Amino acid sequence: MFGCSCYYLSTSSGSWDEGREDCKNRGGDLLVIDSADEQKFISTFTKQQAWIGLNDKETEGSWKWVDGTSMMMP
């Protein structure tokens, strides 16, 4: 848990779309990182590659989270 969020790390592999569908079937969605603190928290328990909820499917090079928010640039 971090704040009001729970995280699930699956041992399954597959495409981004398959990962998102698996999350949705479990009642959630892929990770949306909202802060530097959350990024730091996530990095403490996963050292392997994992899908997050960021993509540029709608417009190449325009990154958005699965909740529709734009990726914030530092």
C-alpha atoms as a PDB file:
ATOM      1  CA  MET A   1       0.000   0.000   0.000  1.00  0.00           C
ATOM      2  CA  PHE A   2       0.988   3.564  -0.713  1.00  0.00           C
ATOM      3  CA  GLY A   3      -1.521   6.186   0.325  1.00  0.00           C
ATOM      4  CA  CYS A   4      -4.892   4.844  -0.783  1.00  0.00           C
ATOM      5  CA  SER A   5      -3.440   2.627  -3.515  1.00  0.00           C
ATOM      6  CA  CYS A   6      -2.762  -1.106  -3.520  1.00  0.00           C
ATOM      7  CA  TYR A   7      -0.309  -2.745  -5.921  1.00  0.00           C
ATOM      8  CA  TYR A   8      -0.244  -6.206  -7.432  1.00  0.00           C
ATOM      9  CA  LEU A   9       2.847  -7.647  -9.088  1.00  0.00           C
ATOM     10  CA  SER A  10       1.974 -10.488 -11.420  1.00  0.00           C
ATOM     11  CA  THR A  11       4.408 -13.244 -12.316  1.00  0.00           C
ATOM     12  CA  SER A  12       2.774 -13.540 -15.751  1.00  0.00           C
ATOM     13  CA  SER A  13       4.311 -12.004 -18.848  1.00  0.00           C
ATOM     14  CA  GLY A  14       2.729 -10.619 -21.979  1.00  0.00           C
ATOM     15  CA  SER A  15       2.065  -7.463 -23.942  1.00  0.00           C
ATOM     16  CA  TRP A  16       1.048  -4.107 -22.488  1.00  0.00           C
ATOM     17  CA  ASP A  17      -2.535  -4.725 -23.635  1.00  0.00           C
ATOM     18  CA  GLU A  18      -2.556  -8.173 -22.004  1.00  0.00           C
ATOM     19  CA  GLY A  19      -1.180  -6.705 -18.788  1.00  0.00           C
ATOM     20  CA  ARG A  20      -3.842  -4.015 -18.745  1.00  0.00           C
ATOM     21  CA  GLU A  21      -6.602  -6.540 -19.442  1.00  0.00           C
ATOM     22  CA  ASP A  22      -5.328  -8.726 -16.587  1.00  0.00           C
ATOM     23  CA  CYS A  23      -5.445  -5.704 -14.249  1.00  0.00           C
ATOM     24  CA  LYS A  24      -8.964  -4.804 -15.364  1.00  0.00           C
ATOM     25  CA  ASN A  25     -10.121  -8.396 -14.846  1.00  0.00           C
ATOM     26  CA  ARG A  26      -8.852  -8.083 -11.255  1.00  0.00           C
ATOM     27  CA  GLY A  27     -10.801  -4.839 -10.735  1.00  0.00           C
ATOM     28  CA  GLY A  28      -7.895  -2.430 -11.195  1.00  0.00           C
ATOM     29  CA  ASP A  29      -5.754  -0.897 -13.903  1.00  0.00           C
ATOM     30  CA  LEU A  30      -2.103  -0.406 -14.703  1.00  0.00           C
ATOM     31  CA  LEU A  31      -0.098   1.876 -12.435  1.00  0.00           C
ATOM     32  CA  VAL A  32      -0.385   5.667 -12.704  1.00  0.00           C
ATOM     33  CA  ILE A  33       2.558   7.302 -10.935  1.00  0.00           C
ATOM     34  CA  ASP A  34       1.360  10.591  -9.420  1.00  0.00           C
ATOM     35  CA  SER A  35       4.432  11.775  -7.520  1.00  0.00           C
ATOM     36  CA  ALA A  36       8.157  11.407  -6.978  1.00  0.00           C
ATOM     37  CA  ASP A  37       7.372   9.774  -3.625  1.00  0.00           C
ATOM     38  CA  GLU A  38       5.237   7.130  -5.318  1.00  0.00           C
ATOM     39  CA  GLN A  39       7.975   6.506  -7.914  1.00  0.00           C
ATOM     40  CA  LYS A  40      10.492   6.036  -5.099  1.00  0.00           C
ATOM     41  CA  PHE A  41       8.114   3.684  -3.265  1.00  0.00           C
ATOM     42  CA  ILE A  42       7.553   1.570  -6.392  1.00  0.00           C
ATOM     43  CA  SER A  43      11.286   1.302  -7.034  1.00  0.00           C
ATOM     44  CA  THR A  44      11.838  -0.196  -3.564  1.00  0.00           C
ATOM     45  CA  PHE A  45       9.991  -3.418  -4.310  1.00  0.00           C
ATOM     46  CA  THR A  46      10.430  -4.104  -8.000  1.00  0.00           C
ATOM     47  CA  LYS A  47      13.759  -4.417  -9.751  1.00  0.00           C
ATOM     48  CA  GLN A  48      12.426  -6.250 -12.796  1.00  0.00           C
ATOM     49  CA  GLN A  49      10.651  -4.915 -15.859  1.00  0.00           C
ATOM     50  CA  ALA A  50       6.966  -4.221 -15.367  1.00  0.00           C
ATOM     51  CA  TRP A  51       4.163  -2.603 -17.324  1.00  0.00           C
ATOM     52  CA  ILE A  52       2.919   0.750 -16.085  1.00  0.00           C
ATOM     53  CA  GLY A  53      -0.131   2.668 -17.289  1.00  0.00           C
ATOM     54  CA  LEU A  54       1.709   5.056 -19.608  1.00  0.00           C
ATOM     55  CA  ASN A  55       1.341   4.912 -23.392  1.00  0.00           C
ATOM     56  CA  ASP A  56       1.344   6.970 -26.585  1.00  0.00           C
ATOM     57  CA  LYS A  57      -1.197   4.861 -28.486  1.00  0.00           C
ATOM     58  CA  GLU A  58      -3.503   7.775 -29.273  1.00  0.00           C
ATOM     59  CA  THR A  59      -0.789  10.081 -30.656  1.00  0.00           C
ATOM     60  CA  GLU A  60       2.812   8.941 -31.206  1.00  0.00           C
ATOM     61  CA  GLY A  61       5.093  10.826 -28.810  1.00  0.00           C
ATOM     62  CA  SER A  62       2.232  12.244 -26.707  1.00  0.00           C
ATOM     63  CA  TRP A  63       2.350  10.177 -23.513  1.00  0.00           C
ATOM     64  CA  LYS A  64      -0.756   9.724 -21.360  1.00  0.00           C
ATOM     65  CA  TRP A  65      -1.600   7.642 -18.323  1.00  0.00           C
ATOM     66  CA  VAL A  66      -4.475   5.154 -18.439  1.00  0.00           C
ATOM     67  CA  ASP A  67      -6.588   7.617 -16.422  1.00  0.00           C
ATOM     68  CA  GLY A  68      -6.296  10.119 -19.313  1.00  0.00           C
ATOM     69  CA  THR A  69      -3.846  12.514 -17.659  1.00  0.00           C
ATOM     70  CA  SER A  70      -0.759  13.689 -19.528  1.00  0.00           C
ATOM     71  CA  MET A  71       2.701  12.691 -18.412  1.00  0.00           C
ATOM     72  CA  MET A  72       4.225  15.530 -16.407  1.00  0.00           C
ATOM     73  CA  MET A  73       7.711  16.501 -17.539  1.00  0.00           C
ATOM     74  CA  PRO A  74      10.212  17.611 -14.867  1.00  0.00           C
END
